Amino acid sequence: MSKTSVNKQAVIEQLRKSPIVQVTCEKTGVGRATYYRWRKDDPEFAEACDQALSEGSALINDMAESQLLSAIRDKNLTAIIFWLKHHHKTYETRVNVQGTIKHQAEALTEEQSELVERALQLAGLIENKENDDEQSSI
């Protein structure tokens, strides 16, 4: 197995433990530029890194949730409030938006219609009639 292969495997394993690229690069002795070059040049490595990052994030989430539950058991009011706001409908943060919308339909002027049509053509949202006419005559 080549040194590069060994280093790539070490990066993947480290990402599973700590899903932070900078930390992983420091711990494995692989430069960030090298890591991103490997990702670009090796789709299998990139896919394995993405999977490892996902697994590492799940691990950190589990640890954080465990710590949160421990804090709740220790009667930490901030932890209790956080849990309730994010896991109990009665305590979730609500935003109430009320208003009235008045809409009056006014016809566009011919110039405004042409501007809107040109903008839609430039955005590629509608076909350009002039180009269609020119191509049909060719």
C-alpha atoms as a PDB file:
ATOM      1  CA  MET A   1       0.000   0.000   0.000  1.00  0.00           C
ATOM      2  CA  SER A   2       1.446   3.398  -0.994  1.00  0.00           C
ATOM      3  CA  LYS A   3       2.101   6.213   1.476  1.00  0.00           C
ATOM      4  CA  THR A   4      -0.651   8.246  -0.174  1.00  0.00           C
ATOM      5  CA  SER A   5      -3.150   5.419   0.277  1.00  0.00           C
ATOM      6  CA  VAL A   6      -2.178   5.078   3.930  1.00  0.00           C
ATOM      7  CA  ASN A   7      -2.551   8.844   4.434  1.00  0.00           C
ATOM      8  CA  LYS A   8      -5.926   8.886   2.690  1.00  0.00           C
ATOM      9  CA  GLN A   9      -7.166   6.075   4.937  1.00  0.00           C
ATOM     10  CA  ALA A  10      -5.871   7.930   8.012  1.00  0.00           C
ATOM     11  CA  VAL A  11      -7.768  11.059   6.917  1.00  0.00           C
ATOM     12  CA  ILE A  12     -10.990   9.090   6.464  1.00  0.00           C
ATOM     13  CA  GLU A  13     -10.654   7.450   9.888  1.00  0.00           C
ATOM     14  CA  GLN A  14      -9.911  10.786  11.562  1.00  0.00           C
ATOM     15  CA  LEU A  15     -12.938  12.433   9.918  1.00  0.00           C
ATOM     16  CA  ARG A  16     -15.114   9.727  11.522  1.00  0.00           C
ATOM     17  CA  LYS A  17     -13.778  10.751  14.953  1.00  0.00           C
ATOM     18  CA  SER A  18     -13.647  14.508  14.420  1.00  0.00           C
ATOM     19  CA  PRO A  19     -15.591  15.839  11.415  1.00  0.00           C
ATOM     20  CA  ILE A  20     -13.528  19.013  11.040  1.00  0.00           C
ATOM     21  CA  VAL A  21     -11.207  19.108   8.033  1.00  0.00           C
ATOM     22  CA  GLN A  22      -8.644  21.455   9.612  1.00  0.00           C
ATOM     23  CA  VAL A  23      -8.337  19.304  12.756  1.00  0.00           C
ATOM     24  CA  THR A  24      -8.143  16.134  10.673  1.00  0.00           C
ATOM     25  CA  CYS A  25      -5.391  17.576   8.497  1.00  0.00           C
ATOM     26  CA  GLU A  26      -3.372  18.676  11.539  1.00  0.00           C
ATOM     27  CA  LYS A  27      -3.722  15.274  13.258  1.00  0.00           C
ATOM     28  CA  THR A  28      -2.805  13.272  10.147  1.00  0.00           C
ATOM     29  CA  GLY A  29      -0.079  15.587   8.884  1.00  0.00           C
ATOM     30  CA  VAL A  30      -1.839  16.105   5.556  1.00  0.00           C
ATOM     31  CA  GLY A  31      -2.076  19.654   4.224  1.00  0.00           C
ATOM     32  CA  ARG A  32      -5.499  21.133   3.527  1.00  0.00           C
ATOM     33  CA  ALA A  33      -4.511  21.812  -0.073  1.00  0.00           C
ATOM     34  CA  THR A  34      -3.498  18.165  -0.449  1.00  0.00           C
ATOM     35  CA  TYR A  35      -6.791  17.011   1.102  1.00  0.00           C
ATOM     36  CA  TYR A  36      -8.846  19.110  -1.328  1.00  0.00           C
ATOM     37  CA  ARG A  37      -6.664  18.058  -4.287  1.00  0.00           C
ATOM     38  CA  TRP A  38      -7.215  14.403  -3.362  1.00  0.00           C
ATOM     39  CA  ARG A  39     -10.968  15.047  -3.169  1.00  0.00           C
ATOM     40  CA  LYS A  40     -10.925  16.658  -6.603  1.00  0.00           C
ATOM     41  CA  ASP A  41      -8.773  13.988  -8.252  1.00  0.00           C
ATOM     42  CA  ASP A  42     -10.227  10.896  -6.543  1.00  0.00           C
ATOM     43  CA  PRO A  43     -14.048  10.598  -6.543  1.00  0.00           C
ATOM     44  CA  GLU A  44     -13.924   7.445  -4.386  1.00  0.00           C
ATOM     45  CA  PHE A  45     -11.876   9.286  -1.759  1.00  0.00           C
ATOM     46  CA  ALA A  46     -14.284  12.243  -1.894  1.00  0.00           C
ATOM     47  CA  GLU A  47     -17.256   9.920  -1.392  1.00  0.00           C
ATOM     48  CA  ALA A  48     -15.539   8.129   1.509  1.00  0.00           C
ATOM     49  CA  CYS A  49     -14.736  11.514   3.094  1.00  0.00           C
ATOM     50  CA  ASP A  50     -18.343  12.666   2.757  1.00  0.00           C
ATOM     51  CA  GLN A  51     -19.514   9.442   4.419  1.00  0.00           C
ATOM     52  CA  ALA A  52     -16.916   9.800   7.191  1.00  0.00           C
ATOM     53  CA  LEU A  53     -17.915  13.447   7.767  1.00  0.00           C
ATOM     54  CA  SER A  54     -21.537  12.369   8.059  1.00  0.00           C
ATOM     55  CA  GLU A  55     -20.668   9.598  10.522  1.00  0.00           C
ATOM     56  CA  GLY A  56     -18.450  11.980  12.519  1.00  0.00           C
ATOM     57  CA  SER A  57     -21.210  14.588  12.702  1.00  0.00           C
ATOM     58  CA  ALA A  58     -23.653  11.946  13.918  1.00  0.00           C
ATOM     59  CA  LEU A  59     -21.165  10.927  16.619  1.00  0.00           C
ATOM     60  CA  ILE A  60     -20.740  14.539  17.781  1.00  0.00           C
ATOM     61  CA  ASN A  61     -24.522  15.044  17.750  1.00  0.00           C
ATOM     62  CA  ASP A  62     -24.956  11.958  19.942  1.00  0.00           C
ATOM     63  CA  MET A  63     -22.307  13.201  22.363  1.00  0.00           C
ATOM     64  CA  ALA A  64     -23.875  16.668  22.511  1.00  0.00           C
ATOM     65  CA  GLU A  65     -27.328  15.256  23.121  1.00  0.00           C
ATOM     66  CA  SER A  66     -25.938  13.025  25.858  1.00  0.00           C
ATOM     67  CA  GLN A  67     -24.320  16.048  27.522  1.00  0.00           C
ATOM     68  CA  LEU A  68     -27.561  17.997  27.206  1.00  0.00           C
ATOM     69  CA  LEU A  69     -29.494  15.205  28.896  1.00  0.00           C
ATOM     70  CA  SER A  70     -26.884  15.077  31.674  1.00  0.00           C
ATOM     71  CA  ALA A  71     -27.275  18.822  32.174  1.00  0.00           C
ATOM     72  CA  ILE A  72     -31.059  18.407  32.379  1.00  0.00           C
ATOM     73  CA  ARG A  73     -30.596  15.670  35.022  1.00  0.00           C
ATOM     74  CA  ASP A  74     -28.375  18.130  36.921  1.00  0.00           C
ATOM     75  CA  LYS A  75     -31.297  20.613  36.867  1.00  0.00           C
ATOM     76  CA  ASN A  76     -29.506  23.071  34.555  1.00  0.00           C
ATOM     77  CA  LEU A  77     -32.310  25.519  33.722  1.00  0.00           C
ATOM     78  CA  THR A  78     -30.735  26.651  30.423  1.00  0.00           C
ATOM     79  CA  ALA A  79     -30.543  23.051  29.219  1.00  0.00           C
ATOM     80  CA  ILE A  80     -34.121  22.433  30.314  1.00  0.00           C
ATOM     81  CA  ILE A  81     -35.381  25.504  28.460  1.00  0.00           C
ATOM     82  CA  PHE A  82     -33.381  24.580  25.335  1.00  0.00           C
ATOM     83  CA  TRP A  83     -34.815  21.061  25.312  1.00  0.00           C
ATOM     84  CA  LEU A  84     -38.379  22.246  25.779  1.00  0.00           C
ATOM     85  CA  LYS A  85     -38.110  24.943  23.088  1.00  0.00           C
ATOM     86  CA  HIS A  86     -36.875  22.385  20.560  1.00  0.00           C
ATOM     87  CA  HIS A  87     -38.840  19.273  21.576  1.00  0.00           C
ATOM     88  CA  HIS A  88     -42.179  20.426  22.999  1.00  0.00           C
ATOM     89  CA  LYS A  89     -44.838  22.266  20.959  1.00  0.00           C
ATOM     90  CA  THR A  90     -46.080  24.282  23.933  1.00  0.00           C
ATOM     91  CA  TYR A  91     -42.668  25.915  24.444  1.00  0.00           C
ATOM     92  CA  GLU A  92     -41.473  26.379  20.867  1.00  0.00           C
ATOM     93  CA  THR A  93     -40.690  29.868  19.629  1.00  0.00           C
ATOM     94  CA  ARG A  94     -43.537  31.202  17.529  1.00  0.00           C
ATOM     95  CA  VAL A  95     -43.701  34.047  15.096  1.00  0.00           C
ATOM     96  CA  ASN A  96     -47.095  35.581  14.370  1.00  0.00           C
ATOM     97  CA  VAL A  97     -47.280  37.580  11.161  1.00  0.00           C
ATOM     98  CA  GLN A  98     -50.444  39.453  10.298  1.00  0.00           C
ATOM     99  CA  GLY A  99     -51.152  41.890   7.544  1.00  0.00           C
ATOM    100  CA  THR A 100     -53.299  42.915   4.657  1.00  0.00           C
ATOM    101  CA  ILE A 101     -52.237  42.815   1.060  1.00  0.00           C
ATOM    102  CA  LYS A 102     -53.956  45.079  -1.398  1.00  0.00           C
ATOM    103  CA  HIS A 103     -53.515  44.331  -5.038  1.00  0.00           C
ATOM    104  CA  GLN A 104     -54.794  46.408  -7.886  1.00  0.00           C
ATOM    105  CA  ALA A 105     -54.417  44.981 -11.322  1.00  0.00           C
ATOM    106  CA  GLU A 106     -53.184  47.645 -13.689  1.00  0.00           C
ATOM    107  CA  ALA A 107     -52.334  46.980 -17.286  1.00  0.00           C
ATOM    108  CA  LEU A 108     -48.703  47.440 -18.214  1.00  0.00           C
ATOM    109  CA  THR A 109     -47.821  49.993 -20.820  1.00  0.00           C
ATOM    110  CA  GLU A 110     -46.491  48.638 -24.097  1.00  0.00           C
ATOM    111  CA  GLU A 111     -42.976  49.756 -23.117  1.00  0.00           C
ATOM    112  CA  GLN A 112     -43.236  47.991 -19.744  1.00  0.00           C
ATOM    113  CA  SER A 113     -44.502  44.815 -21.427  1.00  0.00           C
ATOM    114  CA  GLU A 114     -41.558  44.876 -23.844  1.00  0.00           C
ATOM    115  CA  LEU A 115     -39.099  45.340 -20.947  1.00  0.00           C
ATOM    116  CA  VAL A 116     -40.608  42.428 -19.011  1.00  0.00           C
ATOM    117  CA  GLU A 117     -40.552  40.211 -22.103  1.00  0.00           C
ATOM    118  CA  ARG A 118     -36.918  41.132 -22.842  1.00  0.00           C
ATOM    119  CA  ALA A 119     -35.916  40.413 -19.216  1.00  0.00           C
ATOM    120  CA  LEU A 120     -37.601  37.006 -19.372  1.00  0.00           C
ATOM    121  CA  GLN A 121     -35.811  36.249 -22.643  1.00  0.00           C
ATOM    122  CA  LEU A 122     -32.425  37.249 -21.192  1.00  0.00           C
ATOM    123  CA  ALA A 123     -33.111  35.045 -18.167  1.00  0.00           C
ATOM    124  CA  GLY A 124     -33.871  32.157 -20.516  1.00  0.00           C
ATOM    125  CA  LEU A 125     -37.380  31.782 -19.151  1.00  0.00           C
ATOM    126  CA  ILE A 126     -39.111  32.331 -22.488  1.00  0.00           C
ATOM    127  CA  GLU A 127     -38.053  31.840 -26.078  1.00  0.00           C
ATOM    128  CA  ASN A 128     -36.912  34.792 -28.115  1.00  0.00           C
ATOM    129  CA  LYS A 129     -39.567  35.212 -30.824  1.00  0.00           C
ATOM    130  CA  GLU A 130     -37.207  37.080 -33.154  1.00  0.00           C
ATOM    131  CA  ASN A 131     -34.622  34.263 -33.074  1.00  0.00           C
ATOM    132  CA  ASP A 132     -37.351  31.661 -33.659  1.00  0.00           C
ATOM    133  CA  ASP A 133     -38.605  33.613 -36.694  1.00  0.00           C
ATOM    134  CA  GLU A 134     -35.068  33.974 -38.056  1.00  0.00           C
ATOM    135  CA  GLN A 135     -34.273  30.254 -37.611  1.00  0.00           C
ATOM    136  CA  SER A 136     -37.557  29.133 -39.177  1.00  0.00           C
ATOM    137  CA  SER A 137     -36.761  31.154 -42.308  1.00  0.00           C
ATOM    138  CA  ILE A 138     -33.289  29.593 -42.681  1.00  0.00           C
END
